[in-house]
Amino acid sequence: MRKLFALVLTLAVLFSAASAFADVKIAFSQIGQESDWRTANTDDITKAITSHPGWTFIYDDAQQKQENQIKALRNFITQNVDYILFTGVVSTGWDEVLKEVNEAEIPLLLIDRMPDCADKIEYEAAFGGDFVEEGRRQIAWVGEYLKAKGRGDEDVNVVIMEGTTGASAQTGRTEGNLAGLKAYPHLKLIAQQSGNFTRAEGQAVMESWLKSLEKIDVLIAQNDDMALGAIDAIKAAGKVPGKDIIIVGCDSVKAAFDAILAGDMNCTVECTPLYSKFVVDALEKLIAGEKLGKEIVHPAEGVFDTEGGIDLGTVTSQKAADVIASRVY
């Protein structure tokens, strides 16, 4: 009788644990698909959640428009979803709708970009890159690379191609870029302009700069897609990317590794889009009744270039050729 009771109790516990994950509706408001990074981020999270037993996934692509995201979030509330994953196209303008999410008592998880009202709303977890540090690393790589090549005292002209204006990735990386320049006085900033994180706009901005600026020595692109677009413009202008103009991107998508191996690009600073492990783990813990901290979780990230060995203080660059086979995005 005791064995039968123990068996029944064990089965009840197992059934309870399994049922805790059943019929859970998880909604994701994504900004769009403006880059290879964004596509990889969406695919990684979507695959993990749709393949999880008992979870239903509701996805909305905002096509880079804040008004579409606000509408989507309100639709999620109406649909009475259980959890909301949210990446904001810009940092500002979310106070009202995210308070509505809170009032509906739907747990909110912040992904990649943080809204500026994060300290005024309730959220369960946050995952994203350290954008300021990424921007600092871009400049530090250039400064230390030039030193290693015996050009540390040479004045060089730098242009910064920024991401979508107002996005936390743009504001953070710009802050890091500008802070980094203070440590390397021979790096002279001569222009900065948004390329909206897209390859097409990156190409257009570089075409304009090549016509209007006398000499560009270094391009800092706040994502790889803009850098790749700029490479097309540089080649069309009869210059050699990676040599005539040093090019540093950000995100470390596989296409950037290909460009580095081809000699068209010099360096890419990693910002991984692969958040599914963190997101699924957080959701499972929340569903089980656990509480998580409010601190932003930053995945470990590297810096990749042609030769490796550039010491940036917080990290040393790795040779792109040595790790390209492990790139999954």
C-alpha atoms as a PDB file:
ATOM      1  CA  MET A   1       0.000   0.000   0.000  1.00  0.00           C
ATOM      2  CA  ARG A   2       2.836   2.384   0.863  1.00  0.00           C
ATOM      3  CA  LYS A   3       4.533   1.605  -2.475  1.00  0.00           C
ATOM      4  CA  LEU A   4       1.299   2.300  -4.325  1.00  0.00           C
ATOM      5  CA  PHE A   5       0.874   5.600  -2.463  1.00  0.00           C
ATOM      6  CA  ALA A   6       4.477   6.607  -3.224  1.00  0.00           C
ATOM      7  CA  LEU A   7       3.958   5.771  -6.905  1.00  0.00           C
ATOM      8  CA  VAL A   8       0.761   7.809  -7.054  1.00  0.00           C
ATOM      9  CA  LEU A   9       2.506  10.728  -5.331  1.00  0.00           C
ATOM     10  CA  THR A  10       5.452  10.576  -7.738  1.00  0.00           C
ATOM     11  CA  LEU A  11       3.156  10.508 -10.752  1.00  0.00           C
ATOM     12  CA  ALA A  12       1.205  13.439  -9.356  1.00  0.00           C
ATOM     13  CA  VAL A  13       4.372  15.473  -8.936  1.00  0.00           C
ATOM     14  CA  LEU A  14       5.536  14.637 -12.459  1.00  0.00           C
ATOM     15  CA  PHE A  15       2.104  15.467 -13.901  1.00  0.00           C
ATOM     16  CA  SER A  16       2.058  18.745 -12.001  1.00  0.00           C
ATOM     17  CA  ALA A  17       5.515  19.690 -13.295  1.00  0.00           C
ATOM     18  CA  ALA A  18       4.569  18.785 -16.865  1.00  0.00           C
ATOM     19  CA  SER A  19       1.242  20.603 -16.726  1.00  0.00           C
ATOM     20  CA  ALA A  20       2.999  23.749 -15.465  1.00  0.00           C
ATOM     21  CA  PHE A  21       4.511  24.118 -18.946  1.00  0.00           C
ATOM     22  CA  ALA A  22       1.352  23.190 -20.873  1.00  0.00           C
ATOM     23  CA  ASP A  23      -0.726  25.699 -22.822  1.00  0.00           C
ATOM     24  CA  VAL A  24       1.580  28.644 -22.150  1.00  0.00           C
ATOM     25  CA  LYS A  25       1.164  31.494 -24.669  1.00  0.00           C
ATOM     26  CA  ILE A  26       4.372  33.434 -25.267  1.00  0.00           C
ATOM     27  CA  ALA A  27       4.294  36.522 -27.488  1.00  0.00           C
ATOM     28  CA  PHE A  28       7.306  38.251 -29.062  1.00  0.00           C
ATOM     29  CA  SER A  29       7.278  41.834 -30.361  1.00  0.00           C
ATOM     30  CA  GLN A  30      10.334  42.039 -32.629  1.00  0.00           C
ATOM     31  CA  ILE A  31      11.437  45.254 -34.327  1.00  0.00           C
ATOM     32  CA  GLY A  32      11.801  43.732 -37.808  1.00  0.00           C
ATOM     33  CA  GLN A  33      14.483  42.092 -39.941  1.00  0.00           C
ATOM     34  CA  GLU A  34      16.803  44.990 -40.744  1.00  0.00           C
ATOM     35  CA  SER A  35      20.003  42.950 -40.557  1.00  0.00           C
ATOM     36  CA  ASP A  36      21.559  39.480 -40.547  1.00  0.00           C
ATOM     37  CA  TRP A  37      21.885  39.844 -36.777  1.00  0.00           C
ATOM     38  CA  ARG A  38      18.182  40.489 -36.333  1.00  0.00           C
ATOM     39  CA  THR A  39      17.228  37.542 -38.516  1.00  0.00           C
ATOM     40  CA  ALA A  40      19.486  35.238 -36.483  1.00  0.00           C
ATOM     41  CA  ASN A  41      18.044  36.601 -33.227  1.00  0.00           C
ATOM     42  CA  THR A  42      14.468  36.004 -34.393  1.00  0.00           C
ATOM     43  CA  ASP A  43      15.192  32.526 -35.753  1.00  0.00           C
ATOM     44  CA  ASP A  44      17.054  31.461 -32.606  1.00  0.00           C
ATOM     45  CA  ILE A  45      14.275  32.495 -30.219  1.00  0.00           C
ATOM     46  CA  THR A  46      11.454  31.311 -32.490  1.00  0.00           C
ATOM     47  CA  LYS A  47      12.925  27.834 -32.952  1.00  0.00           C
ATOM     48  CA  ALA A  48      13.527  27.379 -29.224  1.00  0.00           C
ATOM     49  CA  ILE A  49      10.037  28.408 -28.153  1.00  0.00           C
ATOM     50  CA  THR A  50       8.063  26.685 -30.924  1.00  0.00           C
ATOM     51  CA  SER A  51       9.879  23.409 -30.255  1.00  0.00           C
ATOM     52  CA  HIS A  52       9.198  23.543 -26.504  1.00  0.00           C
ATOM     53  CA  PRO A  53       6.430  21.166 -25.407  1.00  0.00           C
ATOM     54  CA  GLY A  54       3.270  22.911 -24.263  1.00  0.00           C
ATOM     55  CA  TRP A  55       4.252  26.402 -25.435  1.00  0.00           C
ATOM     56  CA  THR A  56       2.372  28.413 -28.042  1.00  0.00           C
ATOM     57  CA  PHE A  57       4.317  31.162 -29.812  1.00  0.00           C
ATOM     58  CA  ILE A  58       2.803  34.403 -31.134  1.00  0.00           C
ATOM     59  CA  TYR A  59       5.193  36.514 -33.202  1.00  0.00           C
ATOM     60  CA  ASP A  60       4.856  40.054 -34.525  1.00  0.00           C
ATOM     61  CA  ASP A  61       7.308  41.758 -36.920  1.00  0.00           C
ATOM     62  CA  ALA A  62       7.045  45.546 -36.520  1.00  0.00           C
ATOM     63  CA  GLN A  63       8.949  46.363 -39.730  1.00  0.00           C
ATOM     64  CA  GLN A  64      11.060  48.960 -37.878  1.00  0.00           C
ATOM     65  CA  LYS A  65       8.000  51.023 -36.872  1.00  0.00           C
ATOM     66  CA  GLN A  66       7.291  51.932 -33.264  1.00  0.00           C
ATOM     67  CA  GLU A  67       3.565  52.389 -33.909  1.00  0.00           C
ATOM     68  CA  ASN A  68       3.378  48.775 -35.105  1.00  0.00           C
ATOM     69  CA  GLN A  69       5.003  47.568 -31.899  1.00  0.00           C
ATOM     70  CA  ILE A  70       2.635  49.560 -29.708  1.00  0.00           C
ATOM     71  CA  LYS A  71      -0.305  48.045 -31.590  1.00  0.00           C
ATOM     72  CA  ALA A  72       1.181  44.556 -31.247  1.00  0.00           C
ATOM     73  CA  LEU A  73       1.685  44.912 -27.489  1.00  0.00           C
ATOM     74  CA  ARG A  74      -1.937  45.986 -27.055  1.00  0.00           C
ATOM     75  CA  ASN A  75      -3.056  43.046 -29.193  1.00  0.00           C
ATOM     76  CA  PHE A  76      -1.050  40.716 -26.954  1.00  0.00           C
ATOM     77  CA  ILE A  77      -2.918  42.104 -23.952  1.00  0.00           C
ATOM     78  CA  THR A  78      -6.252  41.541 -25.704  1.00  0.00           C
ATOM     79  CA  GLN A  79      -5.203  37.976 -26.559  1.00  0.00           C
ATOM     80  CA  ASN A  80      -4.443  37.406 -22.866  1.00  0.00           C
ATOM     81  CA  VAL A  81      -0.986  35.951 -23.488  1.00  0.00           C
ATOM     82  CA  ASP A  82       0.977  34.577 -20.558  1.00  0.00           C
ATOM     83  CA  TYR A  83       4.373  36.179 -21.258  1.00  0.00           C
ATOM     84  CA  ILE A  84       5.653  38.944 -23.513  1.00  0.00           C
ATOM     85  CA  LEU A  85       9.147  39.175 -25.010  1.00  0.00           C
ATOM     86  CA  PHE A  86       9.933  42.706 -26.136  1.00  0.00           C
ATOM     87  CA  THR A  87      12.663  44.382 -28.208  1.00  0.00           C
ATOM     88  CA  GLY A  88      12.034  48.094 -28.805  1.00  0.00           C
ATOM     89  CA  VAL A  89      12.985  49.696 -32.110  1.00  0.00           C
ATOM     90  CA  VAL A  90      13.936  52.882 -30.206  1.00  0.00           C
ATOM     91  CA  SER A  91      14.520  53.626 -26.527  1.00  0.00           C
ATOM     92  CA  THR A  92      11.828  56.226 -25.896  1.00  0.00           C
ATOM     93  CA  GLY A  93       8.038  56.367 -26.077  1.00  0.00           C
ATOM     94  CA  TRP A  94       7.181  53.096 -24.334  1.00  0.00           C
ATOM     95  CA  ASP A  95       6.020  54.357 -20.928  1.00  0.00           C
ATOM     96  CA  GLU A  96       2.287  54.181 -21.577  1.00  0.00           C
ATOM     97  CA  VAL A  97       2.014  50.857 -23.386  1.00  0.00           C
ATOM     98  CA  LEU A  98       4.427  49.005 -21.087  1.00  0.00           C
ATOM     99  CA  LYS A  99       2.465  50.262 -18.074  1.00  0.00           C
ATOM    100  CA  GLU A 100      -0.590  48.775 -19.758  1.00  0.00           C
ATOM    101  CA  VAL A 101       1.261  45.451 -19.953  1.00  0.00           C
ATOM    102  CA  ASN A 102       2.029  45.756 -16.238  1.00  0.00           C
ATOM    103  CA  GLU A 103      -1.591  46.597 -15.407  1.00  0.00           C
ATOM    104  CA  ALA A 104      -2.678  43.492 -17.315  1.00  0.00           C
ATOM    105  CA  GLU A 105      -0.273  41.542 -15.052  1.00  0.00           C
ATOM    106  CA  ILE A 106       1.509  39.933 -17.986  1.00  0.00           C
ATOM    107  CA  PRO A 107       5.148  39.157 -17.136  1.00  0.00           C
ATOM    108  CA  LEU A 108       7.521  41.087 -19.421  1.00  0.00           C
ATOM    109  CA  LEU A 109      10.977  40.012 -20.588  1.00  0.00           C
ATOM    110  CA  LEU A 110      13.218  42.634 -22.222  1.00  0.00           C
ATOM    111  CA  ILE A 111      15.359  41.372 -25.100  1.00  0.00           C
ATOM    112  CA  ASP A 112      18.403  43.055 -26.691  1.00  0.00           C
ATOM    113  CA  ARG A 113      17.392  46.743 -26.481  1.00  0.00           C
ATOM    114  CA  MET A 114      16.305  48.313 -23.226  1.00  0.00           C
ATOM    115  CA  PRO A 115      13.597  51.030 -23.071  1.00  0.00           C
ATOM    116  CA  ASP A 116      14.530  54.193 -21.209  1.00  0.00           C
ATOM    117  CA  CYS A 117      11.550  53.659 -18.883  1.00  0.00           C
ATOM    118  CA  ALA A 118      12.922  50.339 -17.595  1.00  0.00           C
ATOM    119  CA  ASP A 119      13.383  51.789 -14.112  1.00  0.00           C
ATOM    120  CA  LYS A 120       9.700  52.850 -14.028  1.00  0.00           C
ATOM    121  CA  ILE A 121       8.065  49.593 -15.121  1.00  0.00           C
ATOM    122  CA  GLU A 122       7.951  46.018 -13.922  1.00  0.00           C
ATOM    123  CA  TYR A 123       9.828  43.354 -15.863  1.00  0.00           C
ATOM    124  CA  GLU A 124      10.926  39.836 -14.967  1.00  0.00           C
ATOM    125  CA  ALA A 125      14.277  39.571 -16.754  1.00  0.00           C
ATOM    126  CA  ALA A 126      16.460  41.397 -19.279  1.00  0.00           C
ATOM    127  CA  PHE A 127      19.033  40.083 -21.754  1.00  0.00           C
ATOM    128  CA  GLY A 128      21.203  42.183 -24.046  1.00  0.00           C
ATOM    129  CA  GLY A 129      24.640  43.223 -25.218  1.00  0.00           C
ATOM    130  CA  ASP A 130      26.811  45.744 -23.412  1.00  0.00           C
ATOM    131  CA  PHE A 131      26.480  48.381 -26.116  1.00  0.00           C
ATOM    132  CA  VAL A 132      28.724  50.973 -24.496  1.00  0.00           C
ATOM    133  CA  GLU A 133      31.521  48.435 -24.100  1.00  0.00           C
ATOM    134  CA  GLU A 134      31.052  47.259 -27.690  1.00  0.00           C
ATOM    135  CA  GLY A 135      31.461  50.824 -28.942  1.00  0.00           C
ATOM    136  CA  ARG A 136      34.529  51.324 -26.767  1.00  0.00           C
ATOM    137  CA  ARG A 137      36.059  48.119 -28.101  1.00  0.00           C
ATOM    138  CA  GLN A 138      35.624  49.270 -31.702  1.00  0.00           C
ATOM    139  CA  ILE A 139      37.729  52.374 -31.090  1.00  0.00           C
ATOM    140  CA  ALA A 140      40.218  50.604 -28.828  1.00  0.00           C
ATOM    141  CA  TRP A 141      40.829  47.985 -31.507  1.00  0.00           C
ATOM    142  CA  VAL A 142      41.713  50.700 -34.045  1.00  0.00           C
ATOM    143  CA  GLY A 143      43.989  52.506 -31.589  1.00  0.00           C
ATOM    144  CA  GLU A 144      45.842  49.375 -30.521  1.00  0.00           C
ATOM    145  CA  TYR A 145      46.020  47.998 -34.054  1.00  0.00           C
ATOM    146  CA  LEU A 146      47.644  51.198 -35.304  1.00  0.00           C
ATOM    147  CA  LYS A 147      50.122  51.057 -32.428  1.00  0.00           C
ATOM    148  CA  ALA A 148      50.991  47.465 -33.339  1.00  0.00           C
ATOM    149  CA  LYS A 149      51.620  48.590 -36.926  1.00  0.00           C
ATOM    150  CA  GLY A 150      53.880  51.458 -35.804  1.00  0.00           C
ATOM    151  CA  ARG A 151      51.264  54.081 -36.633  1.00  0.00           C
ATOM    152  CA  GLY A 152      50.240  55.015 -33.088  1.00  0.00           C
ATOM    153  CA  ASP A 153      51.376  58.633 -33.443  1.00  0.00           C
ATOM    154  CA  GLU A 154      49.840  59.132 -36.871  1.00  0.00           C
ATOM    155  CA  ASP A 155      46.771  61.368 -37.167  1.00  0.00           C
ATOM    156  CA  VAL A 156      43.996  59.425 -38.894  1.00  0.00           C
ATOM    157  CA  ASN A 157      40.520  60.503 -39.993  1.00  0.00           C
ATOM    158  CA  VAL A 158      37.649  58.485 -38.520  1.00  0.00           C
ATOM    159  CA  VAL A 159      33.993  58.345 -39.564  1.00  0.00           C
ATOM    160  CA  ILE A 160      31.292  56.716 -37.424  1.00  0.00           C
ATOM    161  CA  MET A 161      28.303  55.144 -39.133  1.00  0.00           C
ATOM    162  CA  GLU A 162      25.606  55.017 -36.471  1.00  0.00           C
ATOM    163  CA  GLY A 163      22.610  52.722 -36.183  1.00  0.00           C
ATOM    164  CA  THR A 164      18.943  53.670 -35.968  1.00  0.00           C
ATOM    165  CA  THR A 165      18.766  57.016 -34.165  1.00  0.00           C
ATOM    166  CA  GLY A 166      17.359  56.589 -30.684  1.00  0.00           C
ATOM    167  CA  ALA A 167      17.824  52.825 -30.511  1.00  0.00           C
ATOM    168  CA  SER A 168      19.646  51.791 -27.345  1.00  0.00           C
ATOM    169  CA  ALA A 169      22.231  49.964 -29.486  1.00  0.00           C
ATOM    170  CA  GLN A 170      22.929  53.226 -31.301  1.00  0.00           C
ATOM    171  CA  THR A 171      23.037  55.447 -28.231  1.00  0.00           C
ATOM    172  CA  GLY A 172      25.156  52.982 -26.273  1.00  0.00           C
ATOM    173  CA  ARG A 173      27.663  52.299 -29.044  1.00  0.00           C
ATOM    174  CA  THR A 174      27.941  56.004 -29.834  1.00  0.00           C
ATOM    175  CA  GLU A 175      28.638  56.694 -26.169  1.00  0.00           C
ATOM    176  CA  GLY A 176      31.305  53.993 -26.211  1.00  0.00           C
ATOM    177  CA  ASN A 177      32.777  55.234 -29.511  1.00  0.00           C
ATOM    178  CA  LEU A 178      33.099  58.814 -28.275  1.00  0.00           C
ATOM    179  CA  ALA A 179      34.508  57.746 -24.900  1.00  0.00           C
ATOM    180  CA  GLY A 180      37.039  55.554 -26.683  1.00  0.00           C
ATOM    181  CA  LEU A 181      38.218  58.396 -28.899  1.00  0.00           C
ATOM    182  CA  LYS A 182      39.270  60.364 -25.815  1.00  0.00           C
ATOM    183  CA  ALA A 183      41.874  57.683 -25.083  1.00  0.00           C
ATOM    184  CA  TYR A 184      43.347  57.933 -28.603  1.00  0.00           C
ATOM    185  CA  PRO A 185      43.856  61.623 -29.481  1.00  0.00           C
ATOM    186  CA  HIS A 186      45.388  60.784 -32.866  1.00  0.00           C
ATOM    187  CA  LEU A 187      42.034  59.393 -34.011  1.00  0.00           C
ATOM    188  CA  LYS A 188      40.224  62.415 -35.454  1.00  0.00           C
ATOM    189  CA  LEU A 189      36.440  62.164 -35.832  1.00  0.00           C
ATOM    190  CA  ILE A 190      35.460  63.946 -39.046  1.00  0.00           C
ATOM    191  CA  ALA A 191      31.884  62.728 -39.599  1.00  0.00           C
ATOM    192  CA  GLN A 192      29.106  60.682 -38.012  1.00  0.00           C
ATOM    193  CA  GLN A 193      25.741  59.808 -39.534  1.00  0.00           C
ATOM    194  CA  SER A 194      23.026  57.177 -39.193  1.00  0.00           C
ATOM    195  CA  GLY A 195      22.912  54.280 -41.621  1.00  0.00           C
ATOM    196  CA  ASN A 196      19.857  52.872 -39.826  1.00  0.00           C
ATOM    197  CA  PHE A 197      21.529  49.479 -39.265  1.00  0.00           C
ATOM    198  CA  THR A 198      20.842  48.441 -42.893  1.00  0.00           C
ATOM    199  CA  ARG A 199      23.212  47.448 -45.691  1.00  0.00           C
ATOM    200  CA  ALA A 200      21.506  49.661 -48.260  1.00  0.00           C
ATOM    201  CA  GLU A 201      21.730  52.794 -46.115  1.00  0.00           C
ATOM    202  CA  GLY A 202      25.289  51.949 -45.103  1.00  0.00           C
ATOM    203  CA  GLN A 203      26.212  51.921 -48.780  1.00  0.00           C
ATOM    204  CA  ALA A 204      24.413  55.215 -49.408  1.00  0.00           C
ATOM    205  CA  VAL A 205      26.066  57.005 -46.473  1.00  0.00           C
ATOM    206  CA  MET A 206      29.533  55.841 -47.511  1.00  0.00           C
ATOM    207  CA  GLU A 207      28.913  56.933 -51.114  1.00  0.00           C
ATOM    208  CA  SER A 208      28.031  60.399 -49.804  1.00  0.00           C
ATOM    209  CA  TRP A 209      31.090  60.565 -47.545  1.00  0.00           C
ATOM    210  CA  LEU A 210      33.461  59.479 -50.311  1.00  0.00           C
ATOM    211  CA  LYS A 211      32.200  62.390 -52.419  1.00  0.00           C
ATOM    212  CA  SER A 212      32.172  65.026 -49.666  1.00  0.00           C
ATOM    213  CA  LEU A 213      35.140  64.166 -47.434  1.00  0.00           C
ATOM    214  CA  GLU A 214      38.729  64.638 -48.569  1.00  0.00           C
ATOM    215  CA  LYS A 215      40.199  61.592 -46.814  1.00  0.00           C
ATOM    216  CA  ILE A 216      38.755  58.742 -44.751  1.00  0.00           C
ATOM    217  CA  ASP A 217      41.206  56.454 -42.981  1.00  0.00           C
ATOM    218  CA  VAL A 218      38.899  54.504 -40.646  1.00  0.00           C
ATOM    219  CA  LEU A 219      35.223  53.503 -40.764  1.00  0.00           C
ATOM    220  CA  ILE A 220      33.530  52.560 -37.508  1.00  0.00           C
ATOM    221  CA  ALA A 221      30.201  50.931 -38.424  1.00  0.00           C
ATOM    222  CA  GLN A 222      27.859  50.217 -35.532  1.00  0.00           C
ATOM    223  CA  ASN A 223      26.767  46.972 -37.153  1.00  0.00           C
ATOM    224  CA  ASP A 224      28.205  44.619 -39.760  1.00  0.00           C
ATOM    225  CA  ASP A 225      25.427  45.129 -42.306  1.00  0.00           C
ATOM    226  CA  MET A 226      26.270  48.825 -42.635  1.00  0.00           C
ATOM    227  CA  ALA A 227      29.960  47.927 -42.905  1.00  0.00           C
ATOM    228  CA  LEU A 228      29.213  45.466 -45.708  1.00  0.00           C
ATOM    229  CA  GLY A 229      27.176  48.084 -47.551  1.00  0.00           C
ATOM    230  CA  ALA A 230      30.034  50.557 -47.126  1.00  0.00           C
ATOM    231  CA  ILE A 231      32.464  48.019 -48.591  1.00  0.00           C
ATOM    232  CA  ASP A 232      30.394  47.930 -51.786  1.00  0.00           C
ATOM    233  CA  ALA A 233      30.550  51.734 -51.997  1.00  0.00           C
ATOM    234  CA  ILE A 234      34.302  51.790 -51.377  1.00  0.00           C
ATOM    235  CA  LYS A 235      34.940  49.243 -54.122  1.00  0.00           C
ATOM    236  CA  ALA A 236      32.696  51.147 -56.534  1.00  0.00           C
ATOM    237  CA  ALA A 237      34.764  54.265 -55.851  1.00  0.00           C
ATOM    238  CA  GLY A 238      37.934  52.454 -56.908  1.00  0.00           C
ATOM    239  CA  LYS A 239      39.374  52.152 -53.390  1.00  0.00           C
ATOM    240  CA  VAL A 240      40.465  49.030 -51.532  1.00  0.00           C
ATOM    241  CA  PRO A 241      38.412  48.299 -48.395  1.00  0.00           C
ATOM    242  CA  GLY A 242      40.454  46.973 -45.501  1.00  0.00           C
ATOM    243  CA  LYS A 243      43.581  48.728 -46.821  1.00  0.00           C
ATOM    244  CA  ASP A 244      42.764  52.221 -48.038  1.00  0.00           C
ATOM    245  CA  ILE A 245      40.107  52.410 -45.336  1.00  0.00           C
ATOM    246  CA  ILE A 246      40.281  50.373 -42.123  1.00  0.00           C
ATOM    247  CA  ILE A 247      36.808  48.951 -41.428  1.00  0.00           C
ATOM    248  CA  VAL A 248      35.512  47.875 -38.014  1.00  0.00           C
ATOM    249  CA  GLY A 249      32.002  46.471 -37.691  1.00  0.00           C
ATOM    250  CA  CYS A 250      29.908  45.176 -34.834  1.00  0.00           C
ATOM    251  CA  ASP A 251      27.765  42.039 -34.262  1.00  0.00           C
ATOM    252  CA  SER A 252      30.141  39.412 -35.734  1.00  0.00           C
ATOM    253  CA  VAL A 253      27.742  37.857 -38.234  1.00  0.00           C
ATOM    254  CA  LYS A 254      29.192  35.194 -40.521  1.00  0.00           C
ATOM    255  CA  ALA A 255      29.174  37.552 -43.519  1.00  0.00           C
ATOM    256  CA  ALA A 256      31.557  39.817 -41.604  1.00  0.00           C
ATOM    257  CA  PHE A 257      33.910  36.871 -41.006  1.00  0.00           C
ATOM    258  CA  ASP A 258      33.825  36.141 -44.749  1.00  0.00           C
ATOM    259  CA  ALA A 259      34.700  39.786 -45.432  1.00  0.00           C
ATOM    260  CA  ILE A 260      37.603  39.660 -42.954  1.00  0.00           C
ATOM    261  CA  LEU A 261      38.990  36.507 -44.552  1.00  0.00           C
ATOM    262  CA  ALA A 262      38.653  38.162 -47.973  1.00  0.00           C
ATOM    263  CA  GLY A 263      40.626  41.179 -46.715  1.00  0.00           C
ATOM    264  CA  ASP A 264      37.714  43.593 -47.201  1.00  0.00           C
ATOM    265  CA  MET A 265      37.113  44.176 -43.476  1.00  0.00           C
ATOM    266  CA  ASN A 266      39.527  44.397 -40.578  1.00  0.00           C
ATOM    267  CA  CYS A 267      37.604  43.652 -37.406  1.00  0.00           C
ATOM    268  CA  THR A 268      34.164  42.902 -35.984  1.00  0.00           C
ATOM    269  CA  VAL A 269      33.127  43.278 -32.333  1.00  0.00           C
ATOM    270  CA  GLU A 270      30.741  40.579 -31.190  1.00  0.00           C
ATOM    271  CA  CYS A 271      27.174  41.140 -30.033  1.00  0.00           C
ATOM    272  CA  THR A 272      25.604  37.709 -30.051  1.00  0.00           C
ATOM    273  CA  PRO A 273      21.989  37.333 -31.205  1.00  0.00           C
ATOM    274  CA  LEU A 274      21.689  33.863 -29.690  1.00  0.00           C
ATOM    275  CA  TYR A 275      19.504  34.550 -26.662  1.00  0.00           C
ATOM    276  CA  SER A 276      17.308  31.446 -26.739  1.00  0.00           C
ATOM    277  CA  LYS A 277      19.184  29.646 -23.952  1.00  0.00           C
ATOM    278  CA  PHE A 278      18.748  32.612 -21.633  1.00  0.00           C
ATOM    279  CA  VAL A 279      15.129  33.214 -22.631  1.00  0.00           C
ATOM    280  CA  VAL A 280      13.972  29.601 -22.334  1.00  0.00           C
ATOM    281  CA  ASP A 281      15.738  29.167 -19.008  1.00  0.00           C
ATOM    282  CA  ALA A 282      14.126  32.352 -17.679  1.00  0.00           C
ATOM    283  CA  LEU A 283      10.655  31.330 -18.878  1.00  0.00           C
ATOM    284  CA  GLU A 284      10.938  27.877 -17.343  1.00  0.00           C
ATOM    285  CA  LYS A 285      11.974  29.373 -14.011  1.00  0.00           C
ATOM    286  CA  LEU A 286       9.200  31.968 -14.084  1.00  0.00           C
ATOM    287  CA  ILE A 287       6.582  29.346 -14.952  1.00  0.00           C
ATOM    288  CA  ALA A 288       7.859  27.263 -12.047  1.00  0.00           C
ATOM    289  CA  GLY A 289       7.328  30.226  -9.732  1.00  0.00           C
ATOM    290  CA  GLU A 290      10.913  31.445  -9.362  1.00  0.00           C
ATOM    291  CA  LYS A 291      11.843  35.123  -9.252  1.00  0.00           C
ATOM    292  CA  LEU A 292      14.692  36.491 -11.353  1.00  0.00           C
ATOM    293  CA  GLY A 293      16.874  39.573 -10.896  1.00  0.00           C
ATOM    294  CA  LYS A 294      16.411  42.897 -12.663  1.00  0.00           C
ATOM    295  CA  GLU A 295      20.027  43.175 -13.787  1.00  0.00           C
ATOM    296  CA  ILE A 296      20.668  42.963 -17.537  1.00  0.00           C
ATOM    297  CA  VAL A 297      22.358  39.675 -18.402  1.00  0.00           C
ATOM    298  CA  HIS A 298      25.230  40.264 -20.865  1.00  0.00           C
ATOM    299  CA  PRO A 299      26.400  37.147 -22.752  1.00  0.00           C
ATOM    300  CA  ALA A 300      30.169  36.695 -23.050  1.00  0.00           C
ATOM    301  CA  GLU A 301      31.365  38.269 -26.307  1.00  0.00           C
ATOM    302  CA  GLY A 302      34.601  38.486 -28.274  1.00  0.00           C
ATOM    303  CA  VAL A 303      36.453  40.547 -30.874  1.00  0.00           C
ATOM    304  CA  PHE A 304      37.600  39.039 -34.183  1.00  0.00           C
ATOM    305  CA  ASP A 305      40.132  40.277 -36.743  1.00  0.00           C
ATOM    306  CA  THR A 306      42.697  39.161 -39.288  1.00  0.00           C
ATOM    307  CA  GLU A 307      45.660  38.333 -37.069  1.00  0.00           C
ATOM    308  CA  GLY A 308      44.386  38.116 -33.479  1.00  0.00           C
ATOM    309  CA  GLY A 309      46.295  39.133 -30.371  1.00  0.00           C
ATOM    310  CA  ILE A 310      45.178  42.769 -30.040  1.00  0.00           C
ATOM    311  CA  ASP A 311      44.846  43.465 -26.306  1.00  0.00           C
ATOM    312  CA  LEU A 312      41.831  45.678 -25.555  1.00  0.00           C
ATOM    313  CA  GLY A 313      42.085  45.504 -21.798  1.00  0.00           C
ATOM    314  CA  THR A 314      38.854  43.583 -21.185  1.00  0.00           C
ATOM    315  CA  VAL A 315      39.387  41.118 -24.040  1.00  0.00           C
ATOM    316  CA  THR A 316      42.037  40.061 -26.576  1.00  0.00           C
ATOM    317  CA  SER A 317      41.067  39.767 -30.231  1.00  0.00           C
ATOM    318  CA  GLN A 318      40.866  36.357 -31.862  1.00  0.00           C
ATOM    319  CA  LYS A 319      41.802  35.392 -35.401  1.00  0.00           C
ATOM    320  CA  ALA A 320      38.588  35.208 -37.443  1.00  0.00           C
ATOM    321  CA  ALA A 321      39.866  32.273 -39.500  1.00  0.00           C
ATOM    322  CA  ASP A 322      40.200  30.182 -36.342  1.00  0.00           C
ATOM    323  CA  VAL A 323      36.553  30.483 -35.331  1.00  0.00           C
ATOM    324  CA  ILE A 324      34.575  31.004 -38.545  1.00  0.00           C
ATOM    325  CA  ALA A 325      33.604  27.319 -38.671  1.00  0.00           C
ATOM    326  CA  SER A 326      31.766  27.722 -35.359  1.00  0.00           C
ATOM    327  CA  ARG A 327      29.674  30.682 -36.557  1.00  0.00           C
ATOM    328  CA  VAL A 328      25.997  29.745 -36.756  1.00  0.00           C
ATOM    329  CA  TYR A 329      24.696  33.150 -37.843  1.00  0.00           C
END
